[in-house]
């Protein structure tokens, strides 16, 4: 059998991980074993926070809609319920943007569903 030297592929793999962890602190950017663990942990956290970002934006939209709805004399839950009963299919992102940028359009929507 032919002898296989694996140093080249190992070096490539190590360089790839060390390049990915370039800005990390202390040994997490210098030593391969620590860098590999830090890289895997960073990937896990990035996945988690990509999911949490959606949650945070929905919370922000709800808060903005609630503030704008209270200025119109109703609150968030009553507004959303009346939107569903009147079959007005606007999502929270659109309602939030309307509440910020086009306040008169938002007030017309609230008057329509009351």
N, C-alpha and C. Protein backbone atom coordinates (compact mmCIF):
# COMPACT_ATOMS: atom_id res chain seq x y z
N UNK A 1 0.84 -1.19 0.00
CA UNK A 1 0.00 0.00 0.00
C UNK A 1 0.87 1.24 0.00
N UNK A 2 0.31 2.30 -0.52
CA UNK A 2 1.02 3.55 -0.61
C UNK A 2 0.83 4.31 0.71
N UNK A 3 1.90 4.91 1.15
CA UNK A 3 1.84 5.68 2.38
C UNK A 3 1.20 7.05 2.08
N UNK A 4 0.27 7.45 2.93
CA UNK A 4 -0.42 8.73 2.75
C UNK A 4 0.06 9.69 3.83
N UNK A 5 0.60 10.81 3.37
CA UNK A 5 0.99 11.85 4.32
C UNK A 5 -0.17 12.84 4.42
N UNK A 6 -0.57 13.17 5.64
CA UNK A 6 -1.78 13.97 5.83
C UNK A 6 -1.48 15.38 6.31
N UNK A 7 -0.23 15.77 6.30
CA UNK A 7 0.12 17.07 6.86
C UNK A 7 -0.48 18.22 6.06
N UNK A 8 -0.54 18.09 4.76
CA UNK A 8 -1.04 19.17 3.92
C UNK A 8 -2.51 19.49 4.21
N UNK A 9 -3.35 18.47 4.27
CA UNK A 9 -4.77 18.69 4.54
C UNK A 9 -5.00 19.17 5.97
N UNK A 10 -4.21 18.67 6.91
CA UNK A 10 -4.33 19.12 8.30
C UNK A 10 -3.98 20.59 8.40
N UNK A 11 -2.92 21.00 7.72
CA UNK A 11 -2.51 22.40 7.75
C UNK A 11 -3.58 23.28 7.11
N UNK A 12 -4.18 22.84 6.02
CA UNK A 12 -5.25 23.61 5.38
C UNK A 12 -6.43 23.78 6.33
N UNK A 13 -6.80 22.68 6.98
CA UNK A 13 -7.94 22.73 7.90
C UNK A 13 -7.65 23.66 9.08
N UNK A 14 -6.44 23.56 9.62
CA UNK A 14 -6.06 24.42 10.74
C UNK A 14 -6.05 25.89 10.32
N UNK A 15 -5.51 26.17 9.15
CA UNK A 15 -5.46 27.55 8.68
C UNK A 15 -6.85 28.13 8.48
N UNK A 16 -7.77 27.29 7.99
CA UNK A 16 -9.14 27.74 7.77
C UNK A 16 -9.80 28.15 9.10
N UNK A 17 -9.63 27.33 10.12
CA UNK A 17 -10.22 27.63 11.43
C UNK A 17 -9.56 28.85 12.04
N UNK A 18 -8.24 28.93 11.98
CA UNK A 18 -7.52 30.06 12.58
C UNK A 18 -7.85 31.37 11.86
N UNK A 19 -8.09 31.31 10.56
CA UNK A 19 -8.49 32.50 9.83
C UNK A 19 -9.89 32.94 10.25
N UNK A 20 -10.78 31.98 10.50
CA UNK A 20 -12.14 32.30 10.91
C UNK A 20 -12.20 32.90 12.31
N UNK A 21 -11.22 32.57 13.15
CA UNK A 21 -11.21 33.04 14.54
C UNK A 21 -10.20 34.17 14.74
N UNK A 22 -9.94 34.93 13.70
CA UNK A 22 -8.87 35.92 13.75
C UNK A 22 -9.06 36.99 14.81
N UNK A 23 -10.26 37.47 15.02
CA UNK A 23 -10.47 38.56 15.97
C UNK A 23 -10.80 38.11 17.38
N UNK A 24 -10.75 36.82 17.65
CA UNK A 24 -11.13 36.32 18.96
C UNK A 24 -10.03 36.63 19.98
N UNK A 25 -10.37 36.53 21.25
CA UNK A 25 -9.47 36.94 22.32
C UNK A 25 -8.52 35.82 22.75
N UNK A 26 -7.34 36.21 23.17
CA UNK A 26 -6.34 35.34 23.81
C UNK A 26 -6.02 34.12 22.95
N UNK A 27 -6.06 32.94 23.55
CA UNK A 27 -5.67 31.74 22.82
C UNK A 27 -6.73 31.25 21.84
N UNK A 28 -7.90 31.84 21.91
CA UNK A 28 -8.98 31.41 21.01
C UNK A 28 -8.69 31.76 19.56
N UNK A 29 -7.69 32.60 19.33
CA UNK A 29 -7.34 32.92 17.95
C UNK A 29 -5.96 32.39 17.57
N UNK A 30 -5.26 31.78 18.52
CA UNK A 30 -3.89 31.34 18.26
C UNK A 30 -3.73 29.82 18.26
N UNK A 31 -4.33 29.15 19.22
CA UNK A 31 -4.16 27.71 19.39
C UNK A 31 -5.33 26.99 18.71
N UNK A 32 -5.00 25.99 17.89
CA UNK A 32 -6.03 25.36 17.07
C UNK A 32 -7.14 24.73 17.90
N UNK A 33 -6.80 24.00 18.95
CA UNK A 33 -7.84 23.31 19.71
C UNK A 33 -8.79 24.29 20.37
N UNK A 34 -8.25 25.36 20.92
CA UNK A 34 -9.10 26.40 21.52
C UNK A 34 -9.88 27.14 20.44
N UNK A 35 -9.23 27.40 19.33
CA UNK A 35 -9.89 28.13 18.24
C UNK A 35 -11.05 27.32 17.67
N UNK A 36 -10.86 26.03 17.56
CA UNK A 36 -11.94 25.19 17.03
C UNK A 36 -13.15 25.22 17.95
N UNK A 37 -12.92 25.13 19.27
CA UNK A 37 -14.02 25.19 20.23
C UNK A 37 -14.72 26.55 20.17
N UNK A 38 -13.93 27.63 20.09
CA UNK A 38 -14.51 28.97 20.05
C UNK A 38 -15.31 29.17 18.76
N UNK A 39 -14.81 28.64 17.67
CA UNK A 39 -15.48 28.74 16.37
C UNK A 39 -16.82 28.01 16.39
N UNK A 40 -16.84 26.81 16.98
CA UNK A 40 -18.08 26.05 17.07
C UNK A 40 -19.08 26.75 17.98
N UNK A 41 -18.60 27.30 19.10
CA UNK A 41 -19.47 28.02 20.03
C UNK A 41 -20.03 29.28 19.37
N UNK A 42 -19.19 29.97 18.59
CA UNK A 42 -19.64 31.18 17.90
C UNK A 42 -20.72 30.84 16.87
N UNK A 43 -20.55 29.72 16.19
CA UNK A 43 -21.56 29.30 15.22
C UNK A 43 -22.88 28.97 15.88
N UNK A 44 -22.83 28.33 17.05
CA UNK A 44 -24.05 28.02 17.79
C UNK A 44 -24.75 29.29 18.23
N UNK A 45 -23.97 30.24 18.77
CA UNK A 45 -24.56 31.49 19.22
C UNK A 45 -25.13 32.30 18.07
N UNK A 46 -24.46 32.26 16.92
CA UNK A 46 -24.97 32.98 15.76
C UNK A 46 -26.32 32.41 15.32
N UNK A 47 -26.45 31.09 15.36
CA UNK A 47 -27.71 30.45 15.01
C UNK A 47 -28.81 30.86 15.98
N UNK A 48 -28.49 30.83 17.28
CA UNK A 48 -29.48 31.19 18.30
C UNK A 48 -29.94 32.63 18.13
N UNK A 49 -28.98 33.55 17.89
CA UNK A 49 -29.34 34.96 17.81
C UNK A 49 -30.03 35.31 16.50
N UNK A 50 -29.80 34.53 15.45
CA UNK A 50 -30.59 34.74 14.23
C UNK A 50 -32.06 34.45 14.51
N UNK A 51 -32.33 33.45 15.33
CA UNK A 51 -33.71 33.14 15.70
C UNK A 51 -34.27 34.20 16.65
N UNK A 52 -33.46 34.66 17.61
CA UNK A 52 -33.93 35.64 18.59
C UNK A 52 -34.18 37.00 17.97
N UNK A 53 -33.47 37.31 16.87
CA UNK A 53 -33.65 38.60 16.22
C UNK A 53 -35.08 38.75 15.71
N UNK A 54 -35.64 37.68 15.20
CA UNK A 54 -37.02 37.71 14.71
C UNK A 54 -37.98 37.99 15.87
N UNK A 55 -37.72 37.37 17.02
CA UNK A 55 -38.53 37.57 18.21
C UNK A 55 -38.45 39.02 18.68
N UNK A 56 -37.23 39.57 18.68
CA UNK A 56 -37.03 40.94 19.15
C UNK A 56 -37.73 41.95 18.24
N UNK A 57 -37.66 41.73 16.94
CA UNK A 57 -38.32 42.66 16.02
C UNK A 57 -39.84 42.60 16.17
N UNK A 58 -40.39 41.41 16.35
CA UNK A 58 -41.84 41.32 16.55
C UNK A 58 -42.25 42.05 17.82
N UNK A 59 -41.46 41.94 18.88
CA UNK A 59 -41.76 42.66 20.12
C UNK A 59 -41.71 44.17 19.90
N UNK A 60 -40.73 44.62 19.11
CA UNK A 60 -40.62 46.05 18.81
C UNK A 60 -41.82 46.54 18.01
N UNK A 61 -42.22 45.75 17.00
CA UNK A 61 -43.38 46.13 16.19
C UNK A 61 -44.63 46.23 17.05
N UNK A 62 -44.82 45.25 17.96
CA UNK A 62 -46.00 45.26 18.82
C UNK A 62 -46.01 46.50 19.71
N UNK A 63 -44.86 46.87 20.24
CA UNK A 63 -44.78 48.06 21.09
C UNK A 63 -45.12 49.31 20.31
N UNK A 64 -44.60 49.43 19.10
CA UNK A 64 -44.89 50.61 18.28
C UNK A 64 -46.37 50.69 17.91
N UNK A 65 -46.95 49.55 17.57
CA UNK A 65 -48.38 49.53 17.23
C UNK A 65 -49.21 49.91 18.45
N UNK A 66 -48.84 49.41 19.61
CA UNK A 66 -49.58 49.70 20.83
C UNK A 66 -49.54 51.20 21.14
N UNK A 67 -48.37 51.82 21.01
CA UNK A 67 -48.25 53.26 21.29
C UNK A 67 -49.11 54.07 20.32
N UNK A 68 -49.04 53.72 19.03
CA UNK A 68 -49.82 54.45 18.03
C UNK A 68 -51.32 54.20 18.22
N UNK A 69 -51.70 52.98 18.61
CA UNK A 69 -53.11 52.67 18.81
C UNK A 69 -53.67 53.41 20.01
N UNK A 70 -52.88 53.54 21.06
CA UNK A 70 -53.34 54.26 22.25
C UNK A 70 -53.57 55.74 21.95
N UNK A 71 -52.78 56.29 21.02
CA UNK A 71 -53.01 57.68 20.61
C UNK A 71 -54.35 57.81 19.87
N UNK A 72 -54.81 56.72 19.25
CA UNK A 72 -56.08 56.74 18.52
C UNK A 72 -57.26 56.33 19.40
N UNK A 73 -57.01 56.03 20.67
CA UNK A 73 -58.10 55.71 21.59
C UNK A 73 -58.41 54.24 21.75
N UNK A 74 -57.55 53.37 21.31
CA UNK A 74 -57.74 51.93 21.51
C UNK A 74 -56.42 51.35 21.99
N UNK A 75 -56.35 50.05 22.15
CA UNK A 75 -55.07 49.46 22.51
C UNK A 75 -54.70 48.36 21.52
N UNK A 76 -53.55 47.75 21.73
CA UNK A 76 -53.00 46.80 20.77
C UNK A 76 -53.91 45.60 20.58
N UNK A 77 -54.33 44.99 21.68
CA UNK A 77 -55.09 43.74 21.56
C UNK A 77 -56.44 43.97 20.88
N UNK A 78 -57.12 45.07 21.22
CA UNK A 78 -58.40 45.36 20.59
C UNK A 78 -58.23 45.68 19.10
N UNK A 79 -57.15 46.37 18.78
CA UNK A 79 -56.88 46.70 17.37
C UNK A 79 -56.62 45.44 16.55
N UNK A 80 -55.77 44.56 17.04
CA UNK A 80 -55.45 43.33 16.31
C UNK A 80 -56.70 42.45 16.17
N UNK A 81 -57.49 42.37 17.23
CA UNK A 81 -58.72 41.58 17.17
C UNK A 81 -59.69 42.14 16.14
N UNK A 82 -59.84 43.46 16.13
CA UNK A 82 -60.75 44.06 15.16
C UNK A 82 -60.22 43.96 13.73
N UNK A 83 -58.90 43.98 13.57
CA UNK A 83 -58.34 43.76 12.24
C UNK A 83 -58.69 42.37 11.72
N UNK A 84 -58.62 41.36 12.59
CA UNK A 84 -58.95 40.01 12.16
C UNK A 84 -60.44 39.86 11.89
N UNK A 85 -61.28 40.47 12.71
CA UNK A 85 -62.71 40.32 12.48
C UNK A 85 -63.17 41.05 11.22
N UNK A 86 -62.52 42.17 10.90
CA UNK A 86 -62.85 42.91 9.66
C UNK A 86 -62.10 42.37 8.45
N UNK A 87 -61.27 41.35 8.65
CA UNK A 87 -60.50 40.71 7.58
C UNK A 87 -59.56 41.69 6.86
N UNK A 88 -58.86 42.49 7.65
CA UNK A 88 -57.82 43.37 7.12
C UNK A 88 -56.50 42.65 7.33
N UNK A 89 -55.89 42.20 6.25
CA UNK A 89 -54.71 41.35 6.34
C UNK A 89 -53.43 42.19 6.22
N UNK A 90 -53.12 42.92 7.27
CA UNK A 90 -51.86 43.65 7.35
C UNK A 90 -51.04 43.05 8.49
N UNK A 91 -49.80 42.73 8.20
CA UNK A 91 -48.99 42.15 9.26
C UNK A 91 -48.43 43.24 10.18
N UNK A 92 -47.80 42.81 11.25
CA UNK A 92 -47.35 43.75 12.27
C UNK A 92 -46.22 44.65 11.78
N UNK A 93 -45.40 44.14 10.88
CA UNK A 93 -44.31 44.96 10.35
C UNK A 93 -44.87 46.13 9.55
N UNK A 94 -45.85 45.86 8.72
CA UNK A 94 -46.46 46.92 7.90
C UNK A 94 -47.19 47.92 8.79
N UNK A 95 -47.92 47.42 9.78
CA UNK A 95 -48.63 48.32 10.69
C UNK A 95 -47.66 49.21 11.46
N UNK A 96 -46.55 48.64 11.87
CA UNK A 96 -45.55 49.41 12.60
C UNK A 96 -44.97 50.51 11.73
N UNK A 97 -44.64 50.17 10.49
CA UNK A 97 -44.09 51.18 9.57
C UNK A 97 -45.12 52.28 9.27
N UNK A 98 -46.39 51.89 9.14
CA UNK A 98 -47.43 52.89 8.92
C UNK A 98 -47.58 53.80 10.14
N UNK A 99 -47.49 53.22 11.32
CA UNK A 99 -47.63 54.01 12.54
C UNK A 99 -46.51 55.03 12.67
N UNK A 100 -45.33 54.70 12.17
CA UNK A 100 -44.19 55.62 12.27
C UNK A 100 -44.21 56.64 11.15
N UNK A 101 -44.31 56.16 9.91
CA UNK A 101 -44.11 57.06 8.77
C UNK A 101 -45.40 57.75 8.32
N UNK A 102 -46.51 57.02 8.23
CA UNK A 102 -47.78 57.59 7.75
C UNK A 102 -48.82 57.49 8.85
N UNK A 103 -48.77 58.42 9.76
CA UNK A 103 -49.68 58.36 10.90
C UNK A 103 -51.14 58.54 10.48
N UNK A 104 -51.39 59.35 9.44
CA UNK A 104 -52.78 59.56 9.01
C UNK A 104 -53.35 58.30 8.37
N UNK A 105 -52.55 57.55 7.65
CA UNK A 105 -53.01 56.28 7.06
C UNK A 105 -53.32 55.28 8.18
N UNK A 106 -52.45 55.25 9.19
CA UNK A 106 -52.68 54.35 10.32
C UNK A 106 -53.98 54.72 11.04
N UNK A 107 -54.22 56.02 11.22
CA UNK A 107 -55.45 56.44 11.89
C UNK A 107 -56.68 56.09 11.05
N UNK A 108 -56.56 56.15 9.72
CA UNK A 108 -57.67 55.74 8.86
C UNK A 108 -57.96 54.25 8.99
N UNK A 109 -56.91 53.45 9.12
CA UNK A 109 -57.09 52.01 9.32
C UNK A 109 -57.80 51.75 10.64
N UNK A 110 -57.37 52.46 11.69
CA UNK A 110 -57.99 52.27 13.00
C UNK A 110 -59.47 52.68 12.95
N UNK A 111 -59.77 53.77 12.28
CA UNK A 111 -61.18 54.21 12.17
C UNK A 111 -62.00 53.21 11.36
N UNK A 112 -61.39 52.61 10.35
CA UNK A 112 -62.11 51.63 9.52
C UNK A 112 -62.46 50.37 10.32
N UNK A 113 -61.60 49.94 11.19
CA UNK A 113 -61.85 48.69 11.90
C UNK A 113 -62.62 48.88 13.20
N UNK A 114 -62.78 50.11 13.66
CA UNK A 114 -63.54 50.33 14.89
C UNK A 114 -65.02 50.07 14.67
